[in-house]
Amino acid sequence: MYVPPAFAEDRPEMLTALMAAHPLATVVTHGENGLTANLIPVVHLPAGDGAPAVLRAHLARANGQLADLRAMEQAGAPVLVLFQGAQAYVSPAWYATKAETGKVVPTWNYLAVQVRGVPRVIDDADWLRAQVADLTDRLESSEPAPWGVGDAPDAFIASQLRGIVGVEIPVTAIAGKWKASQNRPAADRAGVIDGLAARQNPMAGVIPRA
């Protein structure tokens, strides 16, 4: 990922927060048919107690990307997982510099995290149930009456688990990019904040004023 120094973000808490808030990640693999990408809900578990940080997910047993993941596991080749947060088009009309010099162009602001690691394919019912339960609990936590895996009949859940396969990715590389107008003068950043706030775009809360 191209990351100019002004946009580099390497604080673990910031990267972890983005992945938690935007768990629908793009998983990119390479196999016999070339590149494959799928959108898959992914849980990031930070490092702790001597264990490395890992990503955990599951995908349909019929998903052809499983063949890529198995081959990459065997070859020790890393998979690429992309998380994207808030994003917004930035109009040059919002810049104070436009009135001063006219030397401005449009751009796009966005938050992104890229993770790499060698995948491990897991076909174990207990692991899958725990992963599905963890993912569900995280996503249901803000609901007034959270649904849990235990709310469904055991036989039904068991049948659903037979249709999926798990994947765990120990994190070997992680990079964050916060492109949030940090390279613009303060007056330009203020204009971008106002422009995005008027459109209720969450990027407005990311751009630094100072």
N, C-alpha and C. Protein backbone atom coordinates (compact mmCIF):
# COMPACT_ATOMS: atom_id res chain seq x y z
N MET A 1 0.85 -1.18 0.00
CA MET A 1 0.00 0.00 0.00
C MET A 1 0.89 1.23 0.00
N TYR A 2 0.59 2.16 -0.87
CA TYR A 2 1.33 3.42 -0.94
C TYR A 2 0.90 4.31 0.21
N VAL A 3 1.86 4.62 1.10
CA VAL A 3 1.54 5.42 2.30
C VAL A 3 2.57 6.54 2.45
N PRO A 4 2.28 7.74 1.95
CA PRO A 4 3.15 8.88 2.23
C PRO A 4 3.24 9.10 3.73
N PRO A 5 4.38 9.58 4.23
CA PRO A 5 4.56 9.74 5.68
C PRO A 5 3.44 10.51 6.37
N ALA A 6 2.88 11.52 5.71
CA ALA A 6 1.83 12.32 6.34
C ALA A 6 0.59 11.51 6.65
N PHE A 7 0.39 10.41 5.93
CA PHE A 7 -0.83 9.63 6.08
C PHE A 7 -0.62 8.30 6.81
N ALA A 8 0.60 8.04 7.27
CA ALA A 8 0.88 6.76 7.93
C ALA A 8 0.23 6.71 9.31
N GLU A 9 -0.39 5.59 9.62
CA GLU A 9 -1.01 5.36 10.93
C GLU A 9 -0.55 4.00 11.44
N ASP A 10 0.20 3.99 12.54
CA ASP A 10 0.71 2.73 13.07
C ASP A 10 0.36 2.50 14.53
N ARG A 11 -0.50 3.35 15.09
CA ARG A 11 -0.90 3.14 16.48
C ARG A 11 -1.83 1.92 16.56
N PRO A 12 -1.44 0.90 17.33
CA PRO A 12 -2.24 -0.34 17.39
C PRO A 12 -3.70 -0.09 17.75
N GLU A 13 -3.95 0.84 18.68
CA GLU A 13 -5.33 1.06 19.10
C GLU A 13 -6.19 1.64 17.97
N MET A 14 -5.59 2.43 17.10
CA MET A 14 -6.33 3.00 15.98
C MET A 14 -6.63 1.93 14.93
N LEU A 15 -5.64 1.09 14.64
CA LEU A 15 -5.84 0.03 13.66
C LEU A 15 -6.87 -0.98 14.17
N THR A 16 -6.76 -1.33 15.44
CA THR A 16 -7.70 -2.29 16.03
C THR A 16 -9.12 -1.74 16.01
N ALA A 17 -9.26 -0.46 16.34
CA ALA A 17 -10.60 0.15 16.37
C ALA A 17 -11.23 0.15 14.98
N LEU A 18 -10.45 0.45 13.95
CA LEU A 18 -11.02 0.46 12.60
C LEU A 18 -11.47 -0.94 12.20
N MET A 19 -10.65 -1.94 12.48
CA MET A 19 -11.02 -3.31 12.10
C MET A 19 -12.25 -3.78 12.84
N ALA A 20 -12.39 -3.34 14.10
CA ALA A 20 -13.57 -3.73 14.88
C ALA A 20 -14.82 -3.04 14.36
N ALA A 21 -14.68 -1.77 13.96
CA ALA A 21 -15.83 -1.01 13.49
C ALA A 21 -16.24 -1.35 12.07
N HIS A 22 -15.30 -1.89 11.28
CA HIS A 22 -15.56 -2.21 9.87
C HIS A 22 -15.07 -3.62 9.57
N PRO A 23 -15.73 -4.64 10.14
CA PRO A 23 -15.23 -6.01 10.03
C PRO A 23 -15.44 -6.67 8.68
N LEU A 24 -16.25 -6.08 7.79
CA LEU A 24 -16.45 -6.70 6.48
C LEU A 24 -15.24 -6.40 5.61
N ALA A 25 -14.32 -7.35 5.56
CA ALA A 25 -13.04 -7.14 4.90
C ALA A 25 -13.00 -7.80 3.53
N THR A 26 -12.10 -7.31 2.69
CA THR A 26 -11.85 -7.93 1.39
C THR A 26 -10.66 -8.87 1.54
N VAL A 27 -10.88 -10.15 1.33
CA VAL A 27 -9.83 -11.16 1.43
C VAL A 27 -9.33 -11.48 0.03
N VAL A 28 -8.05 -11.25 -0.21
CA VAL A 28 -7.46 -11.40 -1.53
C VAL A 28 -6.47 -12.57 -1.53
N THR A 29 -6.68 -13.50 -2.44
CA THR A 29 -5.79 -14.66 -2.56
C THR A 29 -5.32 -14.79 -4.00
N HIS A 30 -4.33 -15.66 -4.19
CA HIS A 30 -3.84 -15.96 -5.53
C HIS A 30 -3.76 -17.47 -5.67
N GLY A 31 -4.29 -17.96 -6.79
CA GLY A 31 -4.28 -19.41 -7.03
C GLY A 31 -4.20 -19.73 -8.50
N GLU A 32 -4.65 -20.92 -8.85
CA GLU A 32 -4.55 -21.39 -10.23
C GLU A 32 -5.31 -20.49 -11.19
N ASN A 33 -6.37 -19.86 -10.72
CA ASN A 33 -7.17 -19.00 -11.59
C ASN A 33 -6.82 -17.53 -11.45
N GLY A 34 -5.66 -17.24 -10.86
CA GLY A 34 -5.24 -15.86 -10.68
C GLY A 34 -5.74 -15.29 -9.37
N LEU A 35 -5.96 -13.98 -9.35
CA LEU A 35 -6.39 -13.31 -8.13
C LEU A 35 -7.88 -13.54 -7.88
N THR A 36 -8.22 -13.73 -6.60
CA THR A 36 -9.61 -13.85 -6.18
C THR A 36 -9.83 -12.96 -4.97
N ALA A 37 -10.95 -12.27 -4.92
CA ALA A 37 -11.28 -11.41 -3.78
C ALA A 37 -12.72 -11.66 -3.36
N ASN A 38 -12.94 -11.76 -2.07
CA ASN A 38 -14.28 -11.91 -1.52
C ASN A 38 -14.44 -11.03 -0.30
N LEU A 39 -15.65 -10.52 -0.10
CA LEU A 39 -15.99 -9.77 1.11
C LEU A 39 -16.42 -10.76 2.19
N ILE A 40 -15.72 -10.74 3.32
CA ILE A 40 -15.94 -11.71 4.39
C ILE A 40 -15.85 -11.00 5.74
N PRO A 41 -16.80 -11.21 6.65
CA PRO A 41 -16.67 -10.65 8.00
C PRO A 41 -15.46 -11.27 8.71
N VAL A 42 -14.59 -10.43 9.23
CA VAL A 42 -13.34 -10.89 9.83
C VAL A 42 -13.20 -10.28 11.23
N VAL A 43 -12.82 -11.11 12.19
CA VAL A 43 -12.58 -10.65 13.56
C VAL A 43 -11.07 -10.56 13.78
N HIS A 44 -10.62 -9.43 14.30
CA HIS A 44 -9.21 -9.25 14.65
C HIS A 44 -9.05 -9.45 16.15
N LEU A 45 -8.14 -10.34 16.53
CA LEU A 45 -7.83 -10.58 17.94
C LEU A 45 -6.41 -10.10 18.19
N PRO A 46 -6.23 -9.05 19.01
CA PRO A 46 -4.90 -8.50 19.26
C PRO A 46 -3.97 -9.52 19.92
N ALA A 47 -2.69 -9.28 19.81
CA ALA A 47 -1.70 -10.14 20.45
C ALA A 47 -1.84 -10.04 21.97
N GLY A 48 -1.50 -11.12 22.65
CA GLY A 48 -1.57 -11.12 24.10
C GLY A 48 -1.16 -12.45 24.69
N ASP A 49 -0.57 -12.42 25.89
CA ASP A 49 -0.13 -13.64 26.59
C ASP A 49 0.77 -14.49 25.71
N GLY A 50 1.64 -13.84 24.96
CA GLY A 50 2.60 -14.57 24.13
C GLY A 50 2.06 -15.04 22.80
N ALA A 51 0.76 -14.84 22.57
CA ALA A 51 0.15 -15.27 21.30
C ALA A 51 0.16 -14.10 20.32
N PRO A 52 0.37 -14.39 19.03
CA PRO A 52 0.38 -13.31 18.04
C PRO A 52 -1.03 -12.82 17.75
N ALA A 53 -1.13 -11.64 17.19
CA ALA A 53 -2.43 -11.16 16.71
C ALA A 53 -2.90 -12.05 15.58
N VAL A 54 -4.20 -12.30 15.51
CA VAL A 54 -4.73 -13.16 14.45
C VAL A 54 -6.03 -12.57 13.91
N LEU A 55 -6.34 -12.96 12.68
CA LEU A 55 -7.64 -12.71 12.09
C LEU A 55 -8.36 -14.04 12.04
N ARG A 56 -9.67 -14.02 12.32
CA ARG A 56 -10.46 -15.25 12.25
C ARG A 56 -11.72 -14.98 11.45
N ALA A 57 -12.10 -15.95 10.64
CA ALA A 57 -13.27 -15.79 9.78
C ALA A 57 -13.76 -17.17 9.37
N HIS A 58 -14.86 -17.18 8.62
CA HIS A 58 -15.33 -18.42 8.01
C HIS A 58 -15.93 -18.07 6.66
N LEU A 59 -15.96 -19.04 5.78
CA LEU A 59 -16.57 -18.85 4.48
C LEU A 59 -17.27 -20.13 4.06
N ALA A 60 -18.14 -19.99 3.08
CA ALA A 60 -18.94 -21.13 2.64
C ALA A 60 -18.05 -22.24 2.10
N ARG A 61 -18.40 -23.47 2.41
CA ARG A 61 -17.63 -24.62 1.93
C ARG A 61 -17.59 -24.65 0.40
N ALA A 62 -18.63 -24.10 -0.24
CA ALA A 62 -18.68 -24.10 -1.70
C ALA A 62 -17.86 -22.98 -2.33
N ASN A 63 -17.32 -22.09 -1.51
CA ASN A 63 -16.55 -20.95 -2.02
C ASN A 63 -15.23 -21.43 -2.63
N GLY A 64 -15.03 -21.15 -3.90
CA GLY A 64 -13.82 -21.60 -4.59
C GLY A 64 -12.54 -21.01 -4.02
N GLN A 65 -12.64 -19.93 -3.24
CA GLN A 65 -11.44 -19.33 -2.66
C GLN A 65 -10.78 -20.24 -1.64
N LEU A 66 -11.53 -21.21 -1.13
CA LEU A 66 -10.95 -22.17 -0.19
C LEU A 66 -9.77 -22.91 -0.79
N ALA A 67 -9.84 -23.23 -2.07
CA ALA A 67 -8.73 -23.92 -2.72
C ALA A 67 -7.48 -23.06 -2.70
N ASP A 68 -7.65 -21.76 -2.94
CA ASP A 68 -6.52 -20.84 -2.86
C ASP A 68 -5.94 -20.81 -1.45
N LEU A 69 -6.82 -20.72 -0.46
CA LEU A 69 -6.37 -20.63 0.92
C LEU A 69 -5.60 -21.89 1.34
N ARG A 70 -6.09 -23.04 0.92
CA ARG A 70 -5.39 -24.30 1.25
C ARG A 70 -4.02 -24.34 0.58
N ALA A 71 -3.96 -23.92 -0.67
CA ALA A 71 -2.69 -23.93 -1.41
C ALA A 71 -1.71 -22.93 -0.80
N MET A 72 -2.21 -21.77 -0.39
CA MET A 72 -1.33 -20.76 0.21
C MET A 72 -0.84 -21.21 1.58
N GLU A 73 -1.69 -21.92 2.31
CA GLU A 73 -1.25 -22.49 3.59
C GLU A 73 -0.11 -23.47 3.37
N GLN A 74 -0.27 -24.34 2.40
CA GLN A 74 0.76 -25.34 2.12
C GLN A 74 2.06 -24.70 1.65
N ALA A 75 1.94 -23.64 0.87
CA ALA A 75 3.13 -22.99 0.32
C ALA A 75 3.74 -21.96 1.27
N GLY A 76 3.02 -21.64 2.35
CA GLY A 76 3.50 -20.60 3.26
C GLY A 76 3.41 -19.21 2.67
N ALA A 77 2.43 -19.02 1.78
CA ALA A 77 2.26 -17.73 1.10
C ALA A 77 1.22 -16.88 1.84
N PRO A 78 1.46 -15.59 2.00
CA PRO A 78 0.53 -14.74 2.75
C PRO A 78 -0.70 -14.34 1.95
N VAL A 79 -1.81 -14.26 2.64
CA VAL A 79 -3.05 -13.72 2.10
C VAL A 79 -3.09 -12.23 2.44
N LEU A 80 -3.82 -11.44 1.66
CA LEU A 80 -3.97 -10.01 1.90
C LEU A 80 -5.41 -9.74 2.33
N VAL A 81 -5.58 -9.05 3.45
CA VAL A 81 -6.91 -8.72 3.97
C VAL A 81 -7.02 -7.20 4.09
N LEU A 82 -8.06 -6.64 3.46
CA LEU A 82 -8.23 -5.19 3.39
C LEU A 82 -9.45 -4.75 4.18
N PHE A 83 -9.25 -3.84 5.12
CA PHE A 83 -10.34 -3.23 5.88
C PHE A 83 -10.43 -1.76 5.46
N GLN A 84 -11.64 -1.28 5.18
CA GLN A 84 -11.81 0.13 4.83
C GLN A 84 -12.80 0.79 5.76
N GLY A 85 -12.41 1.96 6.26
CA GLY A 85 -13.27 2.72 7.15
C GLY A 85 -13.97 3.85 6.42
N ALA A 86 -14.12 4.96 7.11
CA ALA A 86 -14.79 6.11 6.51
C ALA A 86 -14.04 6.59 5.27
N GLN A 87 -14.80 7.15 4.32
CA GLN A 87 -14.19 7.67 3.10
C GLN A 87 -15.07 8.79 2.55
N ALA A 88 -14.47 9.68 1.78
CA ALA A 88 -15.23 10.80 1.25
C ALA A 88 -14.49 11.50 0.12
N TYR A 89 -15.22 11.92 -0.88
CA TYR A 89 -14.70 12.81 -1.92
C TYR A 89 -14.53 14.20 -1.32
N VAL A 90 -13.44 14.85 -1.67
CA VAL A 90 -13.16 16.20 -1.17
C VAL A 90 -13.14 17.17 -2.34
N SER A 91 -14.05 18.12 -2.32
CA SER A 91 -14.14 19.13 -3.37
C SER A 91 -13.14 20.26 -3.12
N PRO A 92 -12.42 20.69 -4.15
CA PRO A 92 -11.50 21.83 -3.98
C PRO A 92 -12.23 23.12 -3.62
N ALA A 93 -13.54 23.16 -3.85
CA ALA A 93 -14.31 24.35 -3.50
C ALA A 93 -14.33 24.58 -1.99
N TRP A 94 -14.03 23.56 -1.21
CA TRP A 94 -14.04 23.69 0.24
C TRP A 94 -12.77 24.33 0.79
N TYR A 95 -11.72 24.40 -0.03
CA TYR A 95 -10.44 24.91 0.44
C TYR A 95 -10.40 26.44 0.46
N ALA A 96 -9.85 27.00 1.52
CA ALA A 96 -9.59 28.44 1.53
C ALA A 96 -8.58 28.81 0.46
N THR A 97 -7.68 27.88 0.16
CA THR A 97 -6.64 28.11 -0.85
C THR A 97 -7.24 28.37 -2.23
N LYS A 98 -8.43 27.87 -2.48
CA LYS A 98 -9.06 28.09 -3.79
C LYS A 98 -9.24 29.58 -4.04
N ALA A 99 -9.71 30.31 -3.03
CA ALA A 99 -9.93 31.75 -3.19
C ALA A 99 -8.61 32.52 -3.24
N GLU A 100 -7.57 31.95 -2.62
CA GLU A 100 -6.29 32.65 -2.54
C GLU A 100 -5.45 32.50 -3.82
N THR A 101 -5.34 31.28 -4.33
CA THR A 101 -4.46 31.03 -5.48
C THR A 101 -5.14 30.29 -6.62
N GLY A 102 -6.22 29.57 -6.31
CA GLY A 102 -6.86 28.73 -7.32
C GLY A 102 -6.11 27.45 -7.60
N LYS A 103 -4.96 27.25 -6.95
CA LYS A 103 -4.13 26.08 -7.21
C LYS A 103 -4.56 24.91 -6.32
N VAL A 104 -5.70 24.34 -6.65
CA VAL A 104 -6.25 23.23 -5.89
C VAL A 104 -6.88 22.22 -6.84
N VAL A 105 -6.94 20.98 -6.41
CA VAL A 105 -7.57 19.92 -7.20
C VAL A 105 -8.38 19.03 -6.26
N PRO A 106 -9.32 18.26 -6.80
CA PRO A 106 -10.08 17.34 -5.94
C PRO A 106 -9.20 16.21 -5.41
N THR A 107 -9.68 15.57 -4.36
CA THR A 107 -8.99 14.40 -3.83
C THR A 107 -10.01 13.50 -3.14
N TRP A 108 -9.54 12.44 -2.55
CA TRP A 108 -10.40 11.52 -1.81
C TRP A 108 -9.74 11.23 -0.48
N ASN A 109 -10.47 11.37 0.60
CA ASN A 109 -9.98 11.01 1.93
C ASN A 109 -10.54 9.64 2.31
N TYR A 110 -9.74 8.88 3.05
CA TYR A 110 -10.19 7.54 3.45
C TYR A 110 -9.31 6.98 4.55
N LEU A 111 -9.84 5.98 5.24
CA LEU A 111 -9.11 5.24 6.27
C LEU A 111 -9.03 3.79 5.82
N ALA A 112 -7.85 3.19 5.93
CA ALA A 112 -7.69 1.81 5.47
C ALA A 112 -6.64 1.10 6.30
N VAL A 113 -6.84 -0.21 6.45
CA VAL A 113 -5.86 -1.07 7.11
C VAL A 113 -5.65 -2.29 6.22
N GLN A 114 -4.40 -2.64 6.00
CA GLN A 114 -4.06 -3.84 5.24
C GLN A 114 -3.32 -4.80 6.17
N VAL A 115 -3.71 -6.07 6.12
CA VAL A 115 -3.11 -7.10 6.96
C VAL A 115 -2.66 -8.26 6.09
N ARG A 116 -1.50 -8.81 6.43
CA ARG A 116 -0.99 -9.98 5.72
C ARG A 116 -0.64 -11.07 6.71
N GLY A 117 -0.77 -12.32 6.25
CA GLY A 117 -0.39 -13.46 7.06
C GLY A 117 -0.69 -14.75 6.31
N VAL A 118 0.01 -15.80 6.66
CA VAL A 118 -0.20 -17.10 6.03
C VAL A 118 -1.46 -17.74 6.62
N PRO A 119 -2.44 -18.09 5.79
CA PRO A 119 -3.71 -18.60 6.32
C PRO A 119 -3.60 -20.04 6.82
N ARG A 120 -4.49 -20.36 7.74
CA ARG A 120 -4.65 -21.75 8.20
C ARG A 120 -6.12 -22.11 8.07
N VAL A 121 -6.43 -23.08 7.24
CA VAL A 121 -7.81 -23.51 7.03
C VAL A 121 -8.20 -24.47 8.15
N ILE A 122 -9.36 -24.25 8.75
CA ILE A 122 -9.80 -25.03 9.91
C ILE A 122 -11.17 -25.63 9.63
N ASP A 123 -11.24 -26.94 9.71
CA ASP A 123 -12.50 -27.66 9.48
C ASP A 123 -12.85 -28.43 10.74
N ASP A 124 -13.20 -27.69 11.78
CA ASP A 124 -13.48 -28.28 13.09
C ASP A 124 -14.75 -27.64 13.64
N ALA A 125 -15.73 -28.45 13.96
CA ALA A 125 -17.05 -27.94 14.35
C ALA A 125 -17.00 -27.08 15.61
N ASP A 126 -16.20 -27.50 16.61
CA ASP A 126 -16.12 -26.73 17.85
C ASP A 126 -15.48 -25.36 17.60
N TRP A 127 -14.41 -25.33 16.80
CA TRP A 127 -13.75 -24.06 16.49
C TRP A 127 -14.72 -23.16 15.73
N LEU A 128 -15.43 -23.73 14.78
CA LEU A 128 -16.35 -22.94 13.96
C LEU A 128 -17.49 -22.37 14.81
N ARG A 129 -18.02 -23.18 15.70
CA ARG A 129 -19.12 -22.67 16.55
C ARG A 129 -18.63 -21.52 17.42
N ALA A 130 -17.41 -21.66 17.97
CA ALA A 130 -16.86 -20.59 18.80
C ALA A 130 -16.62 -19.34 17.97
N GLN A 131 -16.14 -19.50 16.75
CA GLN A 131 -15.86 -18.33 15.90
C GLN A 131 -17.16 -17.63 15.50
N VAL A 132 -18.14 -18.42 15.13
CA VAL A 132 -19.44 -17.84 14.75
C VAL A 132 -20.09 -17.14 15.94
N ALA A 133 -19.98 -17.75 17.12
CA ALA A 133 -20.56 -17.15 18.32
C ALA A 133 -19.86 -15.84 18.66
N ASP A 134 -18.54 -15.82 18.56
CA ASP A 134 -17.78 -14.61 18.85
C ASP A 134 -18.14 -13.49 17.87
N LEU A 135 -18.17 -13.82 16.59
CA LEU A 135 -18.53 -12.83 15.57
C LEU A 135 -19.94 -12.29 15.81
N THR A 136 -20.87 -13.20 16.09
CA THR A 136 -22.26 -12.80 16.32
C THR A 136 -22.39 -11.90 17.53
N ASP A 137 -21.72 -12.27 18.62
CA ASP A 137 -21.80 -11.47 19.85
C ASP A 137 -21.27 -10.06 19.62
N ARG A 138 -20.20 -9.94 18.85
CA ARG A 138 -19.64 -8.62 18.58
C ARG A 138 -20.62 -7.76 17.77
N LEU A 139 -21.23 -8.36 16.77
CA LEU A 139 -22.10 -7.60 15.89
C LEU A 139 -23.48 -7.34 16.50
N GLU A 140 -23.89 -8.19 17.42
CA GLU A 140 -25.21 -8.03 18.06
C GLU A 140 -25.15 -7.18 19.32
N SER A 141 -23.96 -6.82 19.74
CA SER A 141 -23.81 -6.16 21.05
C SER A 141 -24.58 -4.85 21.17
N SER A 142 -24.82 -4.16 20.07
CA SER A 142 -25.52 -2.88 20.14
C SER A 142 -27.04 -3.02 19.97
N GLU A 143 -27.50 -4.23 19.74
CA GLU A 143 -28.94 -4.45 19.57
C GLU A 143 -29.65 -4.43 20.92
N PRO A 144 -30.89 -3.93 20.97
CA PRO A 144 -31.62 -3.90 22.25
C PRO A 144 -31.91 -5.29 22.79
N ALA A 145 -32.07 -6.27 21.91
CA ALA A 145 -32.28 -7.66 22.33
C ALA A 145 -31.36 -8.53 21.49
N PRO A 146 -30.08 -8.62 21.87
CA PRO A 146 -29.09 -9.32 21.04
C PRO A 146 -29.47 -10.78 20.79
N TRP A 147 -29.29 -11.19 19.53
CA TRP A 147 -29.48 -12.60 19.17
C TRP A 147 -28.18 -13.33 19.41
N GLY A 148 -28.27 -14.55 19.91
CA GLY A 148 -27.09 -15.37 20.13
C GLY A 148 -27.24 -16.70 19.43
N VAL A 149 -26.10 -17.33 19.16
CA VAL A 149 -26.12 -18.62 18.47
C VAL A 149 -26.96 -19.63 19.25
N GLY A 150 -26.92 -19.53 20.57
CA GLY A 150 -27.69 -20.45 21.40
C GLY A 150 -29.19 -20.27 21.30
N ASP A 151 -29.65 -19.20 20.64
CA ASP A 151 -31.08 -18.99 20.48
C ASP A 151 -31.70 -19.91 19.44
N ALA A 152 -30.87 -20.47 18.58
CA ALA A 152 -31.36 -21.38 17.53
C ALA A 152 -31.19 -22.83 18.00
N PRO A 153 -32.00 -23.74 17.48
CA PRO A 153 -31.88 -25.15 17.88
C PRO A 153 -30.49 -25.70 17.56
N ASP A 154 -29.97 -26.54 18.44
CA ASP A 154 -28.62 -27.09 18.25
C ASP A 154 -28.48 -27.85 16.95
N ALA A 155 -29.49 -28.62 16.59
CA ALA A 155 -29.40 -29.40 15.35
C ALA A 155 -29.34 -28.49 14.13
N PHE A 156 -30.07 -27.39 14.19
CA PHE A 156 -30.05 -26.44 13.08
C PHE A 156 -28.68 -25.78 12.96
N ILE A 157 -28.12 -25.34 14.09
CA ILE A 157 -26.79 -24.73 14.07
C ILE A 157 -25.75 -25.73 13.56
N ALA A 158 -25.86 -26.98 14.01
CA ALA A 158 -24.91 -28.01 13.56
C ALA A 158 -24.97 -28.18 12.05
N SER A 159 -26.16 -28.13 11.49
CA SER A 159 -26.31 -28.28 10.04
C SER A 159 -25.72 -27.08 9.31
N GLN A 160 -25.88 -25.90 9.88
CA GLN A 160 -25.30 -24.70 9.27
C GLN A 160 -23.78 -24.73 9.32
N LEU A 161 -23.23 -25.21 10.42
CA LEU A 161 -21.77 -25.28 10.56
C LEU A 161 -21.16 -26.23 9.55
N ARG A 162 -21.90 -27.25 9.14
CA ARG A 162 -21.36 -28.19 8.15
C ARG A 162 -21.18 -27.53 6.78
N GLY A 163 -21.80 -26.38 6.59
CA GLY A 163 -21.70 -25.70 5.30
C GLY A 163 -20.61 -24.65 5.23
N ILE A 164 -19.83 -24.51 6.31
CA ILE A 164 -18.79 -23.49 6.31
C ILE A 164 -17.44 -24.09 6.73
N VAL A 165 -16.38 -23.34 6.45
CA VAL A 165 -15.02 -23.72 6.82
C VAL A 165 -14.36 -22.50 7.42
N GLY A 166 -13.54 -22.70 8.45
CA GLY A 166 -12.89 -21.58 9.11
C GLY A 166 -11.53 -21.26 8.53
N VAL A 167 -11.09 -20.06 8.82
CA VAL A 167 -9.73 -19.65 8.44
C VAL A 167 -9.17 -18.75 9.53
N GLU A 168 -7.94 -19.02 9.90
CA GLU A 168 -7.22 -18.21 10.88
C GLU A 168 -5.95 -17.70 10.23
N ILE A 169 -5.66 -16.41 10.44
CA ILE A 169 -4.51 -15.78 9.80
C ILE A 169 -3.67 -15.09 10.87
N PRO A 170 -2.57 -15.72 11.32
CA PRO A 170 -1.66 -15.01 12.22
C PRO A 170 -1.09 -13.78 11.50
N VAL A 171 -1.15 -12.63 12.14
CA VAL A 171 -0.75 -11.39 11.49
C VAL A 171 0.77 -11.28 11.44
N THR A 172 1.32 -11.19 10.23
CA THR A 172 2.76 -11.00 10.08
C THR A 172 3.11 -9.59 9.62
N ALA A 173 2.14 -8.87 9.07
CA ALA A 173 2.37 -7.48 8.65
C ALA A 173 1.05 -6.73 8.69
N ILE A 174 1.12 -5.48 9.13
CA ILE A 174 -0.08 -4.66 9.18
C ILE A 174 0.31 -3.21 8.87
N ALA A 175 -0.51 -2.54 8.09
CA ALA A 175 -0.23 -1.15 7.72
C ALA A 175 -1.53 -0.37 7.71
N GLY A 176 -1.47 0.85 8.21
CA GLY A 176 -2.64 1.72 8.22
C GLY A 176 -2.40 2.99 7.44
N LYS A 177 -3.44 3.47 6.79
CA LYS A 177 -3.36 4.73 6.06
C LYS A 177 -4.57 5.58 6.42
N TRP A 178 -4.31 6.75 7.01
CA TRP A 178 -5.34 7.70 7.38
C TRP A 178 -5.16 8.92 6.49
N LYS A 179 -5.81 8.93 5.34
CA LYS A 179 -5.70 10.07 4.42
C LYS A 179 -6.81 11.04 4.78
N ALA A 180 -6.47 12.01 5.61
CA ALA A 180 -7.48 12.88 6.21
C ALA A 180 -7.06 14.35 6.13
N SER A 181 -6.58 14.75 4.96
CA SER A 181 -6.22 16.16 4.71
C SER A 181 -5.12 16.69 5.62
N GLN A 182 -4.30 15.77 6.20
CA GLN A 182 -3.23 16.23 7.10
C GLN A 182 -2.22 17.10 6.36
N ASN A 183 -2.11 16.95 5.04
CA ASN A 183 -1.12 17.70 4.27
C ASN A 183 -1.62 19.07 3.82
N ARG A 184 -2.83 19.46 4.23
CA ARG A 184 -3.40 20.75 3.83
C ARG A 184 -3.24 21.77 4.96
N PRO A 185 -3.20 23.06 4.63
CA PRO A 185 -3.16 24.09 5.68
C PRO A 185 -4.40 24.01 6.58
N ALA A 186 -4.29 24.58 7.77
CA ALA A 186 -5.38 24.51 8.75
C ALA A 186 -6.68 25.08 8.19
N ALA A 187 -6.59 26.17 7.43
CA ALA A 187 -7.82 26.77 6.87
C ALA A 187 -8.48 25.84 5.87
N ASP A 188 -7.68 25.12 5.10
CA ASP A 188 -8.24 24.16 4.15
C ASP A 188 -8.90 22.99 4.89
N ARG A 189 -8.24 22.52 5.95
CA ARG A 189 -8.81 21.41 6.72
C ARG A 189 -10.14 21.82 7.34
N ALA A 190 -10.21 23.05 7.83
CA ALA A 190 -11.47 23.53 8.41
C ALA A 190 -12.57 23.54 7.36
N GLY A 191 -12.23 23.93 6.14
CA GLY A 191 -13.21 23.93 5.07
C GLY A 191 -13.69 22.53 4.72
N VAL A 192 -12.77 21.58 4.75
CA VAL A 192 -13.13 20.18 4.46
C VAL A 192 -14.04 19.65 5.56
N ILE A 193 -13.71 19.95 6.82
CA ILE A 193 -14.56 19.51 7.93
C ILE A 193 -15.97 20.05 7.77
N ASP A 194 -16.07 21.33 7.46
CA ASP A 194 -17.40 21.93 7.30
C ASP A 194 -18.15 21.31 6.12
N GLY A 195 -17.44 21.09 5.01
CA GLY A 195 -18.07 20.50 3.83
C GLY A 195 -18.59 19.10 4.09
N LEU A 196 -17.79 18.30 4.80
CA LEU A 196 -18.21 16.93 5.09
C LEU A 196 -19.28 16.89 6.17
N ALA A 197 -19.17 17.77 7.17
CA ALA A 197 -20.18 17.81 8.23
C ALA A 197 -21.55 18.17 7.66
N ALA A 198 -21.56 19.06 6.68
CA ALA A 198 -22.83 19.44 6.06
C ALA A 198 -23.47 18.28 5.34
N ARG A 199 -22.66 17.32 4.95
CA ARG A 199 -23.15 16.12 4.25
C ARG A 199 -23.25 14.92 5.19
N GLN A 200 -23.05 15.18 6.48
CA GLN A 200 -23.13 14.15 7.54
C GLN A 200 -22.22 12.97 7.24
N ASN A 201 -21.06 13.26 6.69
CA ASN A 201 -20.08 12.21 6.40
C ASN A 201 -19.17 12.03 7.62
N PRO A 202 -19.00 10.80 8.10
CA PRO A 202 -18.18 10.57 9.31
C PRO A 202 -16.73 10.98 9.17
N MET A 203 -16.22 11.16 7.94
CA MET A 203 -14.85 11.61 7.78
C MET A 203 -14.64 12.98 8.42
N ALA A 204 -15.71 13.76 8.58
CA ALA A 204 -15.59 15.09 9.19
C ALA A 204 -15.00 15.01 10.59
N GLY A 205 -15.28 13.93 11.31
CA GLY A 205 -14.78 13.78 12.66
C GLY A 205 -13.37 13.24 12.74
N VAL A 206 -12.78 12.90 11.60
CA VAL A 206 -11.45 12.32 11.58
C VAL A 206 -10.38 13.37 11.27
N ILE A 207 -10.73 14.37 10.51
CA ILE A 207 -9.77 15.35 10.02
C ILE A 207 -9.31 16.25 11.17
N PRO A 208 -8.00 16.40 11.35
CA PRO A 208 -7.49 17.25 12.45
C PRO A 208 -7.64 18.74 12.11
N ARG A 209 -8.08 19.52 13.07
CA ARG A 209 -8.17 20.96 12.86
C ARG A 209 -6.82 21.63 13.06
N ALA A 210 -6.06 21.15 14.04
CA ALA A 210 -4.77 21.78 14.36
C ALA A 210 -3.64 21.08 13.62
